[in-house]
N, C-alpha and C. Protein backbone atom coordinates (compact mmCIF):
# COMPACT_ATOMS: atom_id res chain seq x y z
N LEU A 1 81.32 209.66 -172.92
CA LEU A 1 82.76 210.00 -172.62
C LEU A 1 82.68 209.26 -171.20
N ALA A 2 82.67 207.82 -171.59
CA ALA A 2 82.65 206.71 -170.51
C ALA A 2 84.20 206.82 -170.63
N SER A 3 84.89 206.28 -169.47
CA SER A 3 86.29 205.92 -168.64
C SER A 3 87.12 207.36 -168.58
N HIS A 4 86.76 208.36 -169.01
CA HIS A 4 86.98 209.54 -168.77
C HIS A 4 87.66 210.09 -167.78
N VAL A 5 89.04 210.91 -167.30
CA VAL A 5 89.83 210.87 -166.34
C VAL A 5 89.10 211.94 -165.36
N PRO A 6 88.51 211.37 -164.03
CA PRO A 6 88.08 212.59 -163.36
C PRO A 6 88.76 214.25 -163.38
N THR A 7 87.76 214.74 -163.61
CA THR A 7 88.57 216.05 -163.96
C THR A 7 87.71 216.98 -163.16
N LEU A 8 87.94 218.16 -162.80
CA LEU A 8 87.11 219.25 -162.15
C LEU A 8 87.66 220.85 -162.55
N GLY A 9 86.98 221.14 -162.96
CA GLY A 9 87.21 222.37 -164.08
C GLY A 9 85.91 224.01 -163.31
N VAL A 10 86.65 224.67 -164.00
CA VAL A 10 86.08 226.56 -163.74
C VAL A 10 85.26 226.78 -164.94
N LEU A 11 83.99 227.30 -164.88
CA LEU A 11 83.37 227.80 -166.29
C LEU A 11 83.73 229.51 -165.95
N LYS A 12 84.04 229.87 -167.23
CA LYS A 12 84.17 231.46 -167.60
C LYS A 12 82.91 231.71 -168.07
N PRO A 13 82.64 232.60 -168.01
CA PRO A 13 80.79 232.96 -168.65
C PRO A 13 81.27 232.72 -170.24
N GLY A 14 80.00 231.89 -170.68
CA GLY A 14 79.75 231.55 -172.00
C GLY A 14 79.04 230.53 -172.02
N VAL A 15 78.75 229.29 -173.29
CA VAL A 15 77.70 229.12 -173.72
C VAL A 15 78.31 227.54 -173.51
N VAL A 16 77.07 226.74 -172.96
CA VAL A 16 77.07 225.48 -172.39
C VAL A 16 76.19 224.45 -173.52
N LYS A 17 76.66 223.74 -174.34
CA LYS A 17 75.67 223.03 -175.23
C LYS A 17 75.57 221.38 -174.22
N VAL A 18 74.26 221.58 -173.76
CA VAL A 18 73.62 220.27 -173.42
C VAL A 18 72.98 219.45 -174.58
N THR A 19 73.50 217.70 -174.84
CA THR A 19 72.93 217.13 -175.64
C THR A 19 71.61 215.87 -174.80
N ASP A 20 70.80 215.78 -175.07
CA ASP A 20 69.83 214.96 -174.32
C ASP A 20 70.20 213.61 -174.83
N ASN A 21 69.30 212.41 -174.52
CA ASN A 21 69.32 211.24 -175.27
C ASN A 21 69.23 210.93 -176.45
N GLU A 22 68.23 211.93 -176.82
CA GLU A 22 67.73 211.84 -178.32
C GLU A 22 68.75 212.72 -179.24
N GLY A 23 69.28 213.50 -179.01
CA GLY A 23 70.29 213.95 -179.80
C GLY A 23 70.16 215.54 -179.88
N LYS A 24 68.89 216.00 -179.05
CA LYS A 24 68.62 217.43 -178.76
C LYS A 24 69.44 217.90 -178.49
N VAL A 25 70.32 219.09 -179.05
CA VAL A 25 71.64 220.33 -178.60
C VAL A 25 70.31 221.16 -177.96
N THR A 26 70.70 221.38 -176.45
CA THR A 26 70.06 223.15 -176.10
C THR A 26 71.50 223.49 -175.73
N GLU A 27 71.31 225.18 -175.86
CA GLU A 27 72.58 225.76 -175.90
C GLU A 27 72.16 226.99 -174.69
N LEU A 28 72.77 226.92 -173.84
CA LEU A 28 72.76 227.90 -172.40
C LEU A 28 74.07 228.72 -172.06
N PHE A 29 73.65 229.57 -171.60
CA PHE A 29 74.32 230.73 -171.03
C PHE A 29 74.42 230.46 -169.41
N ALA A 30 75.95 230.27 -169.23
CA ALA A 30 76.54 230.16 -167.95
C ALA A 30 77.13 231.31 -167.41
N SER A 31 76.75 232.16 -166.27
CA SER A 31 77.58 233.08 -165.98
C SER A 31 78.96 232.79 -165.51
N SER A 32 79.22 231.93 -164.54
CA SER A 32 80.12 231.13 -163.83
C SER A 32 79.97 229.77 -163.30
N GLY A 33 80.79 229.46 -162.71
CA GLY A 33 80.54 227.76 -162.06
C GLY A 33 81.50 226.86 -162.54
N THR A 34 81.42 225.76 -161.77
CA THR A 34 82.06 224.20 -161.88
C THR A 34 81.71 223.58 -162.55
N LEU A 35 82.58 222.32 -162.73
CA LEU A 35 82.35 221.04 -163.31
C LEU A 35 82.98 220.35 -162.96
N SER A 36 82.37 218.95 -163.08
CA SER A 36 83.02 217.82 -162.57
C SER A 36 82.75 216.43 -163.72
N MET A 37 83.98 215.97 -164.23
CA MET A 37 83.58 214.78 -165.06
C MET A 37 83.93 213.63 -164.68
N ASN A 38 83.24 212.81 -164.58
CA ASN A 38 83.14 211.56 -163.39
C ASN A 38 83.72 210.08 -164.87
N ILE A 39 84.60 209.24 -163.90
CA ILE A 39 84.99 208.05 -164.71
C ILE A 39 83.84 206.93 -165.70
N ASP A 40 82.62 207.22 -164.81
CA ASP A 40 81.44 207.02 -165.45
C ASP A 40 80.77 207.70 -166.67
N GLY A 41 81.41 208.80 -167.37
CA GLY A 41 81.07 209.50 -168.37
C GLY A 41 80.04 210.56 -167.65
N THR A 42 79.63 210.47 -166.90
CA THR A 42 78.42 211.69 -166.33
C THR A 42 79.48 212.80 -166.06
N CYS A 43 78.73 214.22 -165.84
CA CYS A 43 79.18 215.16 -166.14
C CYS A 43 78.09 216.20 -165.46
N GLN A 44 78.80 216.58 -164.31
CA GLN A 44 78.16 217.82 -163.43
C GLN A 44 78.41 219.34 -163.79
N VAL A 45 77.44 219.87 -164.17
CA VAL A 45 77.89 221.68 -164.10
C VAL A 45 76.61 222.02 -163.27
N LEU A 46 77.62 222.88 -162.38
CA LEU A 46 76.88 223.95 -161.41
C LEU A 46 77.18 225.37 -161.75
N ALA A 47 76.11 226.23 -162.07
CA ALA A 47 76.58 227.00 -162.65
C ALA A 47 75.85 228.32 -161.51
N GLU A 48 76.06 229.66 -161.40
CA GLU A 48 75.79 230.62 -160.67
C GLU A 48 74.26 231.00 -161.70
N GLU A 49 74.43 231.49 -162.96
CA GLU A 49 73.26 230.99 -163.49
C GLU A 49 72.68 231.00 -164.94
N LEU A 50 72.11 230.64 -165.00
CA LEU A 50 71.82 229.87 -166.39
C LEU A 50 70.53 230.37 -167.11
N SER A 51 70.53 230.72 -168.56
CA SER A 51 69.63 230.70 -169.45
C SER A 51 69.82 230.57 -170.60
N LEU A 52 68.66 230.75 -171.47
CA LEU A 52 68.63 229.91 -172.98
C LEU A 52 69.40 230.88 -173.43
N VAL A 53 70.12 230.60 -174.43
CA VAL A 53 71.02 231.57 -175.27
C VAL A 53 70.11 232.24 -176.25
N SER A 54 69.06 231.60 -176.44
CA SER A 54 67.44 232.59 -176.97
C SER A 54 67.50 233.22 -176.42
N ASP A 55 67.19 232.89 -174.90
CA ASP A 55 66.28 234.37 -174.65
C ASP A 55 67.08 235.57 -174.29
N ILE A 56 68.65 235.50 -174.72
CA ILE A 56 69.44 236.69 -174.23
C ILE A 56 69.30 237.89 -175.25
N ASP A 57 69.08 238.98 -174.53
CA ASP A 57 68.46 240.37 -175.24
C ASP A 57 70.00 241.25 -175.34
N GLU A 58 70.40 241.17 -176.76
CA GLU A 58 71.62 241.47 -177.46
C GLU A 58 71.75 243.31 -176.74
N SER A 59 70.58 243.63 -176.80
CA SER A 59 70.85 244.80 -176.66
C SER A 59 70.73 245.53 -175.18
N ALA A 60 70.15 244.38 -174.15
CA ALA A 60 70.45 244.41 -172.82
C ALA A 60 71.83 244.29 -172.64
N ALA A 61 72.25 243.19 -173.09
CA ALA A 61 73.80 243.01 -172.94
C ALA A 61 74.60 243.99 -173.21
N ARG A 62 74.26 244.83 -174.40
CA ARG A 62 75.50 245.82 -174.68
C ARG A 62 75.25 246.68 -173.40
N LYS A 63 73.94 247.19 -173.55
CA LYS A 63 73.79 248.73 -172.40
C LYS A 63 74.62 248.13 -171.17
N ALA A 64 74.59 246.96 -170.72
CA ALA A 64 75.20 246.08 -169.54
C ALA A 64 76.51 246.54 -169.48
N LEU A 65 77.16 246.36 -170.90
CA LEU A 65 78.26 246.64 -171.24
C LEU A 65 78.81 247.82 -170.80
N GLU A 66 77.99 248.69 -171.39
CA GLU A 66 78.72 250.13 -171.31
C GLU A 66 78.86 250.50 -169.72
N SER A 67 77.49 250.09 -169.15
CA SER A 67 77.56 250.35 -167.92
C SER A 67 78.68 250.33 -166.91
N ALA A 68 78.95 248.88 -167.10
CA ALA A 68 79.86 248.19 -166.20
C ALA A 68 81.34 248.33 -166.90
N GLN A 69 81.82 249.05 -168.10
CA GLN A 69 83.42 249.16 -168.38
C GLN A 69 83.27 251.35 -167.56
N ARG A 70 82.26 251.72 -167.70
CA ARG A 70 82.55 253.06 -167.07
C ARG A 70 82.63 252.69 -165.44
N ARG A 71 81.81 251.87 -164.98
CA ARG A 71 82.22 251.74 -162.94
C ARG A 71 83.32 250.70 -163.32
N ALA A 72 84.19 250.59 -164.21
CA ALA A 72 85.13 249.38 -164.12
C ALA A 72 86.56 250.69 -163.86
N GLY A 73 86.33 251.96 -164.12
CA GLY A 73 87.54 252.66 -163.79
C GLY A 73 87.34 253.66 -162.28
N GLU A 74 86.01 252.71 -161.56
CA GLU A 74 85.29 254.07 -160.34
C GLU A 74 85.46 253.25 -159.51
N GLY A 75 85.47 254.07 -158.13
CA GLY A 75 84.88 253.53 -157.08
C GLY A 75 86.30 252.72 -156.42
N SER A 76 85.79 252.02 -155.48
CA SER A 76 86.99 251.49 -154.79
C SER A 76 87.75 249.91 -155.74
N ASP A 77 88.84 249.28 -154.93
CA ASP A 77 88.87 248.38 -155.40
C ASP A 77 87.89 247.32 -155.45
N ARG A 78 87.08 247.10 -154.95
CA ARG A 78 86.06 246.15 -154.58
C ARG A 78 84.96 246.32 -155.69
N GLU A 79 84.86 247.44 -155.85
CA GLU A 79 83.45 248.02 -156.82
C GLU A 79 84.54 247.55 -158.20
N ARG A 80 85.62 248.27 -158.26
CA ARG A 80 86.34 248.07 -159.98
C ARG A 80 85.94 246.34 -160.03
N ALA A 81 86.70 245.43 -159.12
CA ALA A 81 87.01 244.52 -159.65
C ALA A 81 85.44 243.85 -160.10
N GLU A 82 84.24 243.83 -159.01
CA GLU A 82 83.14 243.32 -159.75
C GLU A 82 82.38 244.02 -160.82
N ALA A 83 82.88 245.20 -161.15
CA ALA A 83 82.54 245.90 -162.59
C ALA A 83 83.35 244.87 -163.44
N GLN A 84 84.78 244.91 -163.38
CA GLN A 84 85.27 243.87 -164.36
C GLN A 84 84.56 242.41 -164.45
N ILE A 85 84.29 242.33 -163.43
CA ILE A 85 83.63 240.68 -163.79
C ILE A 85 82.32 240.79 -164.44
N GLU A 86 81.70 242.16 -164.68
CA GLU A 86 79.88 242.38 -164.92
C GLU A 86 80.75 242.43 -166.48
N VAL A 87 81.72 243.10 -166.79
CA VAL A 87 82.23 243.67 -167.98
C VAL A 87 82.19 241.87 -168.80
N GLU A 88 83.19 241.02 -167.88
CA GLU A 88 83.60 239.76 -168.66
C GLU A 88 82.00 238.92 -169.39
N VAL A 89 81.19 239.23 -167.95
CA VAL A 89 80.03 238.34 -168.43
C VAL A 89 79.22 239.06 -170.02
N ALA A 90 78.96 240.53 -169.62
CA ALA A 90 78.53 240.99 -170.41
C ALA A 90 79.07 240.48 -172.00
N GLU A 91 80.33 240.97 -172.24
CA GLU A 91 80.96 240.59 -173.27
C GLU A 91 80.90 239.34 -174.02
N ALA A 92 80.78 238.09 -172.72
CA ALA A 92 80.57 236.78 -173.05
C ALA A 92 78.76 236.55 -173.76
N LEU A 93 78.10 237.39 -172.89
CA LEU A 93 76.53 237.57 -173.65
C LEU A 93 76.52 237.64 -174.74
N ILE A 94 77.40 238.46 -175.20
CA ILE A 94 77.13 239.53 -176.57
C ILE A 94 77.53 238.58 -178.11
N LYS A 95 78.92 237.55 -177.33
CA LYS A 95 79.37 237.08 -178.05
C LYS A 95 78.46 235.65 -178.56
N ALA A 96 77.86 235.30 -176.97
CA ALA A 96 76.97 234.03 -177.64
C ALA A 96 75.54 233.97 -178.45
N VAL A 97 75.21 235.78 -178.37
CA VAL A 97 74.14 236.08 -179.48
C VAL A 97 74.84 236.41 -180.89
N THR A 98 75.97 236.52 -180.87
CA THR A 98 76.75 237.33 -182.41
C THR A 98 76.90 235.82 -183.16
């Protein structure tokens, strides 16, 4: 992406595909983060958490989703907000593996 307009962005939970110099694609799951696209075509991704999509346990993600959904309606505003973030991450994990 040489001569790309420099860009900053926020990553939502989801899949990031990385292509190496030989063309091999690796799929990673990012829970959240930021990215910067530079004019020279380089891109930096700063992720809070990264894991290989192939390592995601769908059953564990579904259990995490159920737990977070229960907690999203309980507790303080902060606890509900944190649970809602967990819901979004768990939903994205499930989407990544299905």
